[in-house]
Amino acid sequence: MAVAEHMPRIRRRSHDTEQAESRTAPPAARYVWALARLSLGSVFAWAFVDKLFGLGHETTTKQAWVHGGHPTMGFLKFSAAGPFKGFYHSIAGAAWADWLFMLGLAAVGTALLLGIGMRFAAIAGTAMLVMMWSVVLPPENHIFMDDHLVYALLIIGLALIGAGNTLGLGRRWDRTRLVQRFPILK
């Protein structure tokens, strides 16, 4: 008898099994996670709209991107502290940094609000949030933890549990040919 016959079999979970599990989760839990997804999506979307038009909450009309302002200037130039201060000062207001930041806010916010591209949102959103966390080190109220890291964990969890399938277009999106061909877009 071969050794492999005595080893326990490891069952791989299929995509269908994962989808069935997400559908069988208690409805209250699915809706709570969907609301968490929508809430986090609104954080990204609001940041984009405020920096684009300068609605006066964090960005004045004069500082708006549409009026020639630089979305990365204020936070990176005046809030940066810690070991990466020099790096963040050097990219503050750079056109490429402004474009990447604004495209990231818009894309992650849209993905979360619609419940599509949750894997992309988790990757891009986590990268953005970790970078924002690293601008101000150490954080003000804790030795290393702040809301940016909590949001990063949340966005990863939302992608892992398929939170885009409830109150979102996740299931429909997953069935498109584009997503079938490029699963990273799920």
N, C-alpha and C. Protein backbone atom coordinates (compact mmCIF):
# COMPACT_ATOMS: atom_id res chain seq x y z
N MET A 1 0.82 -1.19 0.00
CA MET A 1 0.00 0.00 0.00
C MET A 1 0.87 1.25 0.00
N ALA A 2 0.52 2.19 -0.80
CA ALA A 2 1.29 3.43 -0.89
C ALA A 2 1.02 4.31 0.32
N VAL A 3 2.01 5.12 0.65
CA VAL A 3 1.89 6.02 1.79
C VAL A 3 0.75 7.00 1.59
N ALA A 4 0.56 7.45 0.37
CA ALA A 4 -0.49 8.43 0.07
C ALA A 4 -1.87 7.92 0.41
N GLU A 5 -2.07 6.60 0.38
CA GLU A 5 -3.39 6.05 0.68
C GLU A 5 -3.73 6.19 2.15
N HIS A 6 -2.73 6.29 3.02
CA HIS A 6 -2.97 6.40 4.46
C HIS A 6 -3.07 7.83 4.93
N MET A 7 -2.74 8.77 4.08
CA MET A 7 -2.79 10.18 4.47
C MET A 7 -4.22 10.70 4.32
N PRO A 8 -4.64 11.54 5.26
CA PRO A 8 -6.00 12.09 5.13
C PRO A 8 -6.10 12.96 3.89
N ARG A 9 -7.25 12.90 3.27
CA ARG A 9 -7.48 13.72 2.08
C ARG A 9 -7.87 15.13 2.49
N ILE A 10 -7.29 16.06 1.81
CA ILE A 10 -7.63 17.46 2.04
C ILE A 10 -8.60 17.86 0.95
N ARG A 11 -9.78 18.21 1.38
CA ARG A 11 -10.81 18.59 0.40
C ARG A 11 -10.67 20.05 0.08
N ARG A 12 -10.63 20.32 -1.19
CA ARG A 12 -10.59 21.71 -1.64
C ARG A 12 -12.01 22.22 -1.77
N ARG A 13 -12.19 23.44 -1.29
CA ARG A 13 -13.51 24.05 -1.39
C ARG A 13 -13.68 24.64 -2.77
N SER A 14 -14.77 24.35 -3.38
CA SER A 14 -15.03 24.89 -4.71
C SER A 14 -15.65 26.28 -4.58
N HIS A 15 -15.61 27.01 -5.66
CA HIS A 15 -16.24 28.33 -5.70
C HIS A 15 -17.74 28.20 -5.43
N ASP A 16 -18.36 27.13 -5.96
CA ASP A 16 -19.80 26.93 -5.74
C ASP A 16 -20.08 26.71 -4.25
N THR A 17 -19.20 25.98 -3.57
CA THR A 17 -19.38 25.75 -2.13
C THR A 17 -19.29 27.07 -1.38
N GLU A 18 -18.31 27.89 -1.73
CA GLU A 18 -18.16 29.18 -1.07
C GLU A 18 -19.39 30.06 -1.32
N GLN A 19 -19.90 30.06 -2.54
CA GLN A 19 -21.09 30.84 -2.86
C GLN A 19 -22.29 30.33 -2.07
N ALA A 20 -22.44 29.02 -1.98
CA ALA A 20 -23.56 28.45 -1.23
C ALA A 20 -23.47 28.83 0.24
N GLU A 21 -22.25 28.81 0.80
CA GLU A 21 -22.08 29.19 2.20
C GLU A 21 -22.44 30.65 2.42
N SER A 22 -22.07 31.52 1.47
CA SER A 22 -22.41 32.93 1.66
C SER A 22 -23.91 33.14 1.58
N ARG A 23 -24.61 32.30 0.80
CA ARG A 23 -26.07 32.42 0.71
C ARG A 23 -26.76 31.82 1.93
N THR A 24 -26.09 30.89 2.62
CA THR A 24 -26.73 30.26 3.76
C THR A 24 -26.39 30.93 5.07
N ALA A 25 -25.54 31.95 5.06
CA ALA A 25 -25.26 32.70 6.27
C ALA A 25 -26.56 33.34 6.74
N PRO A 26 -26.71 33.52 8.03
CA PRO A 26 -27.95 34.13 8.52
C PRO A 26 -28.20 35.47 7.82
N PRO A 27 -29.44 35.70 7.40
CA PRO A 27 -29.74 36.96 6.69
C PRO A 27 -29.31 38.20 7.45
N ALA A 28 -29.49 38.21 8.77
CA ALA A 28 -29.09 39.40 9.54
C ALA A 28 -27.59 39.66 9.39
N ALA A 29 -26.79 38.61 9.42
CA ALA A 29 -25.34 38.77 9.27
C ALA A 29 -25.00 39.28 7.88
N ARG A 30 -25.64 38.74 6.86
CA ARG A 30 -25.37 39.21 5.49
C ARG A 30 -25.68 40.69 5.35
N TYR A 31 -26.78 41.14 5.96
CA TYR A 31 -27.15 42.55 5.85
C TYR A 31 -26.23 43.45 6.67
N VAL A 32 -25.78 42.97 7.81
CA VAL A 32 -24.82 43.76 8.60
C VAL A 32 -23.53 43.96 7.81
N TRP A 33 -23.01 42.89 7.19
CA TRP A 33 -21.78 43.01 6.40
C TRP A 33 -22.00 43.85 5.15
N ALA A 34 -23.18 43.76 4.56
CA ALA A 34 -23.48 44.61 3.40
C ALA A 34 -23.50 46.08 3.82
N LEU A 35 -24.08 46.37 4.97
CA LEU A 35 -24.10 47.75 5.46
C LEU A 35 -22.70 48.23 5.81
N ALA A 36 -21.86 47.35 6.33
CA ALA A 36 -20.46 47.72 6.60
C ALA A 36 -19.76 48.05 5.28
N ARG A 37 -20.02 47.24 4.24
CA ARG A 37 -19.44 47.49 2.91
C ARG A 37 -19.90 48.84 2.37
N LEU A 38 -21.19 49.10 2.44
CA LEU A 38 -21.72 50.37 1.95
C LEU A 38 -21.17 51.55 2.75
N SER A 39 -21.03 51.38 4.04
CA SER A 39 -20.49 52.44 4.89
C SER A 39 -19.05 52.76 4.52
N LEU A 40 -18.23 51.73 4.38
CA LEU A 40 -16.84 51.95 4.01
C LEU A 40 -16.74 52.51 2.59
N GLY A 41 -17.60 52.05 1.70
CA GLY A 41 -17.64 52.61 0.35
C GLY A 41 -17.96 54.08 0.36
N SER A 42 -18.87 54.48 1.24
CA SER A 42 -19.23 55.90 1.31
C SER A 42 -18.07 56.74 1.85
N VAL A 43 -17.23 56.16 2.71
CA VAL A 43 -16.05 56.88 3.20
C VAL A 43 -15.11 57.20 2.03
N PHE A 44 -14.84 56.19 1.19
CA PHE A 44 -13.97 56.40 0.03
C PHE A 44 -14.62 57.36 -0.98
N ALA A 45 -15.90 57.15 -1.27
CA ALA A 45 -16.60 57.98 -2.26
C ALA A 45 -16.67 59.43 -1.79
N TRP A 46 -16.98 59.64 -0.51
CA TRP A 46 -17.06 61.01 0.00
C TRP A 46 -15.71 61.71 -0.09
N ALA A 47 -14.63 61.01 0.27
CA ALA A 47 -13.30 61.61 0.19
C ALA A 47 -13.01 62.04 -1.25
N PHE A 48 -13.38 61.19 -2.21
CA PHE A 48 -13.17 61.53 -3.62
C PHE A 48 -13.96 62.78 -4.02
N VAL A 49 -15.25 62.80 -3.72
CA VAL A 49 -16.12 63.91 -4.13
C VAL A 49 -15.69 65.21 -3.43
N ASP A 50 -15.36 65.14 -2.15
CA ASP A 50 -14.95 66.34 -1.41
C ASP A 50 -13.65 66.91 -1.98
N LYS A 51 -12.69 66.05 -2.28
CA LYS A 51 -11.42 66.53 -2.83
C LYS A 51 -11.57 67.00 -4.28
N LEU A 52 -12.49 66.40 -5.01
CA LEU A 52 -12.72 66.79 -6.39
C LEU A 52 -13.36 68.18 -6.49
N PHE A 53 -14.42 68.40 -5.70
CA PHE A 53 -15.19 69.63 -5.82
C PHE A 53 -14.98 70.63 -4.68
N GLY A 54 -14.31 70.22 -3.61
CA GLY A 54 -14.11 71.12 -2.48
C GLY A 54 -15.41 71.52 -1.83
N LEU A 55 -16.11 70.55 -1.28
CA LEU A 55 -17.43 70.80 -0.72
C LEU A 55 -17.38 71.48 0.65
N GLY A 56 -16.18 71.75 1.14
CA GLY A 56 -16.06 72.51 2.37
C GLY A 56 -15.97 71.69 3.64
N HIS A 57 -16.04 70.39 3.54
CA HIS A 57 -15.91 69.59 4.77
C HIS A 57 -14.45 69.50 5.17
N GLU A 58 -13.65 68.89 4.37
CA GLU A 58 -12.20 68.82 4.60
C GLU A 58 -11.44 69.63 3.56
N THR A 59 -12.07 69.85 2.43
CA THR A 59 -11.43 70.55 1.32
C THR A 59 -12.26 71.78 0.96
N THR A 60 -11.63 72.93 0.95
CA THR A 60 -12.35 74.14 0.57
C THR A 60 -12.52 74.18 -0.96
N THR A 61 -13.43 75.00 -1.42
CA THR A 61 -13.66 75.14 -2.86
C THR A 61 -12.37 75.55 -3.57
N LYS A 62 -11.61 76.43 -2.95
CA LYS A 62 -10.36 76.90 -3.54
C LYS A 62 -9.33 75.77 -3.67
N GLN A 63 -9.38 74.79 -2.77
CA GLN A 63 -8.44 73.66 -2.79
C GLN A 63 -8.89 72.51 -3.68
N ALA A 64 -10.09 72.61 -4.25
CA ALA A 64 -10.67 71.51 -5.04
C ALA A 64 -9.79 71.16 -6.22
N TRP A 65 -9.78 69.88 -6.55
CA TRP A 65 -8.99 69.39 -7.69
C TRP A 65 -9.45 70.04 -8.98
N VAL A 66 -10.77 70.24 -9.13
CA VAL A 66 -11.30 70.86 -10.35
C VAL A 66 -10.87 72.32 -10.49
N HIS A 67 -10.43 72.93 -9.39
CA HIS A 67 -9.97 74.32 -9.43
C HIS A 67 -8.44 74.40 -9.35
N GLY A 68 -7.77 73.31 -9.67
CA GLY A 68 -6.31 73.33 -9.70
C GLY A 68 -5.63 72.94 -8.41
N GLY A 69 -6.41 72.53 -7.41
CA GLY A 69 -5.83 72.11 -6.15
C GLY A 69 -5.14 70.75 -6.27
N HIS A 70 -4.42 70.38 -5.26
CA HIS A 70 -3.71 69.11 -5.23
C HIS A 70 -4.23 68.27 -4.07
N PRO A 71 -4.96 67.19 -4.36
CA PRO A 71 -5.58 66.38 -3.31
C PRO A 71 -4.59 65.78 -2.31
N THR A 72 -3.34 65.58 -2.73
CA THR A 72 -2.37 64.97 -1.83
C THR A 72 -1.58 66.01 -1.03
N MET A 73 -1.74 67.26 -1.35
CA MET A 73 -0.88 68.29 -0.75
C MET A 73 -1.09 68.45 0.76
N GLY A 74 -2.30 68.70 1.19
CA GLY A 74 -2.54 69.03 2.59
C GLY A 74 -2.08 67.96 3.56
N PHE A 75 -2.56 66.75 3.39
CA PHE A 75 -2.26 65.66 4.32
C PHE A 75 -0.78 65.30 4.28
N LEU A 76 -0.23 65.16 3.07
CA LEU A 76 1.16 64.71 2.97
C LEU A 76 2.16 65.81 3.33
N LYS A 77 1.83 67.04 3.08
CA LYS A 77 2.77 68.13 3.34
C LYS A 77 2.70 68.60 4.79
N PHE A 78 1.50 68.64 5.37
CA PHE A 78 1.36 69.25 6.68
C PHE A 78 1.10 68.27 7.81
N SER A 79 0.74 67.04 7.51
CA SER A 79 0.47 66.06 8.57
C SER A 79 1.54 64.99 8.70
N ALA A 80 2.37 64.83 7.67
CA ALA A 80 3.35 63.75 7.69
C ALA A 80 4.31 63.91 8.88
N ALA A 81 4.55 62.77 9.53
CA ALA A 81 5.47 62.72 10.67
C ALA A 81 6.08 61.33 10.71
N GLY A 82 7.14 61.18 11.42
CA GLY A 82 7.72 59.86 11.59
C GLY A 82 8.74 59.52 10.52
N PRO A 83 9.05 58.24 10.40
CA PRO A 83 10.16 57.81 9.55
C PRO A 83 9.97 58.04 8.04
N PHE A 84 8.74 58.21 7.58
CA PHE A 84 8.50 58.39 6.15
C PHE A 84 8.16 59.83 5.78
N LYS A 85 8.35 60.74 6.71
CA LYS A 85 8.00 62.15 6.51
C LYS A 85 8.65 62.72 5.25
N GLY A 86 9.92 62.50 5.06
CA GLY A 86 10.63 63.03 3.89
C GLY A 86 10.07 62.50 2.59
N PHE A 87 9.77 61.20 2.56
CA PHE A 87 9.19 60.60 1.35
C PHE A 87 7.85 61.23 1.02
N TYR A 88 6.97 61.34 2.03
CA TYR A 88 5.64 61.89 1.77
C TYR A 88 5.69 63.37 1.42
N HIS A 89 6.61 64.12 2.02
CA HIS A 89 6.77 65.52 1.62
C HIS A 89 7.20 65.62 0.17
N SER A 90 8.04 64.69 -0.28
CA SER A 90 8.56 64.76 -1.65
C SER A 90 7.50 64.46 -2.71
N ILE A 91 6.46 63.70 -2.36
CA ILE A 91 5.42 63.39 -3.36
C ILE A 91 4.16 64.23 -3.19
N ALA A 92 4.11 65.03 -2.13
CA ALA A 92 2.92 65.87 -1.89
C ALA A 92 2.69 66.82 -3.05
N GLY A 93 1.52 66.75 -3.65
CA GLY A 93 1.15 67.64 -4.74
C GLY A 93 1.66 67.23 -6.11
N ALA A 94 2.40 66.13 -6.19
CA ALA A 94 2.86 65.66 -7.50
C ALA A 94 1.66 65.20 -8.32
N ALA A 95 1.65 65.54 -9.59
CA ALA A 95 0.50 65.21 -10.45
C ALA A 95 0.23 63.71 -10.45
N TRP A 96 1.26 62.89 -10.57
CA TRP A 96 1.06 61.43 -10.61
C TRP A 96 0.47 60.93 -9.29
N ALA A 97 0.90 61.51 -8.17
CA ALA A 97 0.36 61.09 -6.87
C ALA A 97 -1.10 61.51 -6.73
N ASP A 98 -1.41 62.73 -7.19
CA ASP A 98 -2.80 63.20 -7.16
C ASP A 98 -3.70 62.28 -7.98
N TRP A 99 -3.25 61.94 -9.19
CA TRP A 99 -4.06 61.09 -10.06
C TRP A 99 -4.25 59.70 -9.47
N LEU A 100 -3.17 59.08 -8.99
CA LEU A 100 -3.29 57.74 -8.39
C LEU A 100 -4.20 57.76 -7.17
N PHE A 101 -4.06 58.76 -6.34
CA PHE A 101 -4.87 58.87 -5.13
C PHE A 101 -6.36 59.02 -5.48
N MET A 102 -6.65 59.93 -6.39
CA MET A 102 -8.05 60.18 -6.75
C MET A 102 -8.67 58.99 -7.49
N LEU A 103 -7.92 58.38 -8.40
CA LEU A 103 -8.44 57.19 -9.08
C LEU A 103 -8.66 56.06 -8.08
N GLY A 104 -7.76 55.92 -7.13
CA GLY A 104 -7.93 54.89 -6.10
C GLY A 104 -9.16 55.13 -5.25
N LEU A 105 -9.35 56.37 -4.80
CA LEU A 105 -10.55 56.68 -4.00
C LEU A 105 -11.82 56.38 -4.79
N ALA A 106 -11.85 56.82 -6.05
CA ALA A 106 -13.05 56.62 -6.88
C ALA A 106 -13.29 55.14 -7.15
N ALA A 107 -12.26 54.41 -7.51
CA ALA A 107 -12.42 53.00 -7.87
C ALA A 107 -12.81 52.15 -6.66
N VAL A 108 -12.13 52.35 -5.54
CA VAL A 108 -12.45 51.56 -4.35
C VAL A 108 -13.84 51.93 -3.83
N GLY A 109 -14.15 53.21 -3.81
CA GLY A 109 -15.48 53.63 -3.37
C GLY A 109 -16.58 53.06 -4.23
N THR A 110 -16.40 53.11 -5.54
CA THR A 110 -17.40 52.57 -6.47
C THR A 110 -17.55 51.06 -6.31
N ALA A 111 -16.42 50.36 -6.23
CA ALA A 111 -16.46 48.89 -6.08
C ALA A 111 -17.21 48.51 -4.81
N LEU A 112 -16.93 49.18 -3.72
CA LEU A 112 -17.60 48.86 -2.46
C LEU A 112 -19.09 49.22 -2.50
N LEU A 113 -19.41 50.36 -3.03
CA LEU A 113 -20.82 50.76 -3.08
C LEU A 113 -21.64 49.83 -3.96
N LEU A 114 -21.07 49.39 -5.08
CA LEU A 114 -21.80 48.50 -5.99
C LEU A 114 -21.67 47.02 -5.62
N GLY A 115 -20.68 46.69 -4.82
CA GLY A 115 -20.47 45.28 -4.45
C GLY A 115 -19.78 44.48 -5.54
N ILE A 116 -19.05 45.16 -6.40
CA ILE A 116 -18.35 44.47 -7.49
C ILE A 116 -16.84 44.68 -7.32
N GLY A 117 -16.07 43.78 -7.90
CA GLY A 117 -14.62 43.94 -7.83
C GLY A 117 -14.10 43.98 -6.41
N MET A 118 -14.67 43.16 -5.55
CA MET A 118 -14.30 43.20 -4.14
C MET A 118 -12.84 42.80 -3.90
N ARG A 119 -12.31 41.91 -4.71
CA ARG A 119 -10.89 41.53 -4.56
C ARG A 119 -10.01 42.73 -4.90
N PHE A 120 -10.32 43.39 -6.00
CA PHE A 120 -9.57 44.59 -6.37
C PHE A 120 -9.69 45.64 -5.28
N ALA A 121 -10.90 45.86 -4.79
CA ALA A 121 -11.12 46.86 -3.74
C ALA A 121 -10.30 46.53 -2.50
N ALA A 122 -10.23 45.24 -2.17
CA ALA A 122 -9.46 44.83 -0.99
C ALA A 122 -7.98 45.10 -1.18
N ILE A 123 -7.46 44.79 -2.35
CA ILE A 123 -6.03 44.99 -2.61
C ILE A 123 -5.70 46.48 -2.67
N ALA A 124 -6.41 47.21 -3.53
CA ALA A 124 -6.13 48.64 -3.71
C ALA A 124 -6.46 49.43 -2.45
N GLY A 125 -7.59 49.14 -1.85
CA GLY A 125 -7.99 49.86 -0.64
C GLY A 125 -7.03 49.63 0.51
N THR A 126 -6.59 48.39 0.68
CA THR A 126 -5.64 48.09 1.75
C THR A 126 -4.32 48.81 1.50
N ALA A 127 -3.85 48.81 0.27
CA ALA A 127 -2.60 49.52 -0.05
C ALA A 127 -2.73 51.01 0.29
N MET A 128 -3.83 51.61 -0.12
CA MET A 128 -4.04 53.04 0.17
C MET A 128 -4.12 53.30 1.67
N LEU A 129 -4.86 52.47 2.37
CA LEU A 129 -5.06 52.68 3.80
C LEU A 129 -3.76 52.48 4.59
N VAL A 130 -2.98 51.50 4.22
CA VAL A 130 -1.70 51.28 4.91
C VAL A 130 -0.76 52.45 4.64
N MET A 131 -0.78 52.96 3.41
CA MET A 131 0.05 54.14 3.13
C MET A 131 -0.42 55.35 3.94
N MET A 132 -1.73 55.55 4.04
CA MET A 132 -2.25 56.68 4.83
C MET A 132 -1.88 56.51 6.30
N TRP A 133 -1.91 55.28 6.79
CA TRP A 133 -1.51 54.99 8.17
C TRP A 133 -0.04 55.37 8.37
N SER A 134 0.79 55.03 7.38
CA SER A 134 2.23 55.26 7.53
C SER A 134 2.64 56.73 7.41
N VAL A 135 1.72 57.59 7.01
CA VAL A 135 2.04 59.02 6.92
C VAL A 135 2.29 59.60 8.30
N VAL A 136 1.52 59.18 9.27
CA VAL A 136 1.62 59.73 10.62
C VAL A 136 1.97 58.61 11.60
N LEU A 137 3.25 58.41 11.79
CA LEU A 137 3.71 57.38 12.73
C LEU A 137 4.49 58.03 13.86
N PRO A 138 4.31 57.61 15.07
CA PRO A 138 3.29 56.67 15.51
C PRO A 138 1.93 57.35 15.55
N PRO A 139 0.86 56.53 15.47
CA PRO A 139 -0.48 57.11 15.54
C PRO A 139 -0.71 57.86 16.86
N GLU A 140 -1.65 58.76 16.83
CA GLU A 140 -1.90 59.64 17.97
C GLU A 140 -2.41 58.91 19.22
N ASN A 141 -3.31 57.94 19.07
CA ASN A 141 -3.99 57.35 20.22
C ASN A 141 -3.60 55.92 20.56
N HIS A 142 -2.63 55.36 19.86
CA HIS A 142 -2.24 53.97 20.10
C HIS A 142 -0.81 53.79 19.63
N ILE A 143 -0.15 52.78 20.13
CA ILE A 143 1.25 52.58 19.77
C ILE A 143 1.45 52.28 18.29
N PHE A 144 0.48 51.58 17.66
CA PHE A 144 0.59 51.32 16.22
C PHE A 144 -0.76 51.28 15.51
N MET A 145 -1.84 51.03 16.19
CA MET A 145 -3.16 50.84 15.57
C MET A 145 -3.90 52.16 15.42
N ASP A 146 -4.55 52.33 14.27
CA ASP A 146 -5.48 53.44 14.09
C ASP A 146 -6.58 53.02 13.12
N ASP A 147 -7.48 53.94 12.82
CA ASP A 147 -8.64 53.60 11.99
C ASP A 147 -8.26 53.12 10.60
N HIS A 148 -7.15 53.57 10.06
CA HIS A 148 -6.75 53.12 8.72
C HIS A 148 -6.49 51.62 8.70
N LEU A 149 -5.83 51.11 9.72
CA LEU A 149 -5.56 49.67 9.77
C LEU A 149 -6.84 48.88 10.04
N VAL A 150 -7.73 49.43 10.85
CA VAL A 150 -9.01 48.76 11.11
C VAL A 150 -9.82 48.70 9.81
N TYR A 151 -9.86 49.78 9.06
CA TYR A 151 -10.55 49.79 7.76
C TYR A 151 -9.92 48.79 6.80
N ALA A 152 -8.58 48.70 6.81
CA ALA A 152 -7.90 47.74 5.92
C ALA A 152 -8.31 46.31 6.25
N LEU A 153 -8.36 45.98 7.52
CA LEU A 153 -8.81 44.64 7.92
C LEU A 153 -10.27 44.42 7.51
N LEU A 154 -11.09 45.43 7.69
CA LEU A 154 -12.50 45.32 7.33
C LEU A 154 -12.67 45.09 5.83
N ILE A 155 -11.96 45.82 5.02
CA ILE A 155 -12.12 45.68 3.57
C ILE A 155 -11.66 44.30 3.10
N ILE A 156 -10.60 43.77 3.70
CA ILE A 156 -10.15 42.42 3.36
C ILE A 156 -11.22 41.41 3.76
N GLY A 157 -11.76 41.54 4.96
CA GLY A 157 -12.81 40.63 5.41
C GLY A 157 -14.05 40.69 4.55
N LEU A 158 -14.43 41.90 4.12
CA LEU A 158 -15.60 42.04 3.26
C LEU A 158 -15.42 41.29 1.95
N ALA A 159 -14.22 41.35 1.39
CA ALA A 159 -13.95 40.62 0.15
C ALA A 159 -14.00 39.11 0.41
N LEU A 160 -13.42 38.68 1.52
CA LEU A 160 -13.37 37.24 1.81
C LEU A 160 -14.74 36.62 2.03
N ILE A 161 -15.67 37.36 2.60
CA ILE A 161 -16.99 36.79 2.89
C ILE A 161 -18.00 37.02 1.78
N GLY A 162 -17.60 37.70 0.71
CA GLY A 162 -18.52 37.94 -0.40
C GLY A 162 -19.60 38.94 -0.06
N ALA A 163 -19.22 40.01 0.63
CA ALA A 163 -20.20 41.00 1.07
C ALA A 163 -20.85 41.76 -0.08
N GLY A 164 -20.31 41.65 -1.28
CA GLY A 164 -20.92 42.32 -2.42
C GLY A 164 -22.16 41.63 -2.95
N ASN A 165 -22.43 40.42 -2.45
CA ASN A 165 -23.58 39.65 -2.93
C ASN A 165 -24.90 40.08 -2.29
N THR A 166 -24.85 40.75 -1.16
CA THR A 166 -26.07 41.22 -0.49
C THR A 166 -26.13 42.73 -0.64
N LEU A 167 -27.23 43.24 -1.10
CA LEU A 167 -27.42 44.67 -1.37
C LEU A 167 -26.36 45.18 -2.34
N GLY A 168 -25.94 44.32 -3.25
CA GLY A 168 -24.94 44.70 -4.23
C GLY A 168 -25.08 43.88 -5.50
N LEU A 169 -24.22 44.15 -6.44
CA LEU A 169 -24.26 43.48 -7.73
C LEU A 169 -23.23 42.35 -7.85
N GLY A 170 -22.71 41.88 -6.72
CA GLY A 170 -21.64 40.90 -6.71
C GLY A 170 -21.92 39.63 -7.47
N ARG A 171 -23.08 39.02 -7.26
CA ARG A 171 -23.40 37.77 -7.96
C ARG A 171 -23.48 37.97 -9.47
N ARG A 172 -24.13 39.03 -9.88
CA ARG A 172 -24.23 39.32 -11.32
C ARG A 172 -22.85 39.58 -11.91
N TRP A 173 -22.06 40.37 -11.20
CA TRP A 173 -20.72 40.71 -11.65
C TRP A 173 -19.87 39.45 -11.81
N ASP A 174 -19.96 38.54 -10.85
CA ASP A 174 -19.17 37.30 -10.88
C ASP A 174 -19.50 36.44 -12.10
N ARG A 175 -20.71 36.57 -12.64
CA ARG A 175 -21.12 35.75 -13.79
C ARG A 175 -20.74 36.35 -15.14
N THR A 176 -20.20 37.56 -15.16
CA THR A 176 -19.84 38.17 -16.44
C THR A 176 -18.64 37.45 -17.06
N ARG A 177 -18.56 37.52 -18.37
CA ARG A 177 -17.43 36.88 -19.08
C ARG A 177 -16.09 37.47 -18.66
N LEU A 178 -16.08 38.77 -18.46
CA LEU A 178 -14.84 39.44 -18.06
C LEU A 178 -14.31 38.87 -16.75
N VAL A 179 -15.17 38.74 -15.78
CA VAL A 179 -14.76 38.22 -14.48
C VAL A 179 -14.44 36.73 -14.56
N GLN A 180 -15.18 35.99 -15.37
CA GLN A 180 -14.88 34.57 -15.56
C GLN A 180 -13.48 34.41 -16.15
N ARG A 181 -13.11 35.32 -17.03
CA ARG A 181 -11.79 35.23 -17.67
C ARG A 181 -10.68 35.74 -16.74
N PHE A 182 -10.98 36.78 -15.93
CA PHE A 182 -10.00 37.36 -15.02
C PHE A 182 -10.57 37.37 -13.60
N PRO A 183 -10.45 36.25 -12.89
CA PRO A 183 -11.06 36.12 -11.55
C PRO A 183 -10.58 37.14 -10.52
N ILE A 184 -9.44 37.77 -10.73
CA ILE A 184 -8.98 38.79 -9.80
C ILE A 184 -9.99 39.94 -9.72
N LEU A 185 -10.83 40.07 -10.74
CA LEU A 185 -11.83 41.15 -10.77
C LEU A 185 -13.07 40.85 -9.93
N LYS A 186 -13.14 39.67 -9.32
CA LYS A 186 -14.32 39.32 -8.50
C LYS A 186 -14.52 40.28 -7.38
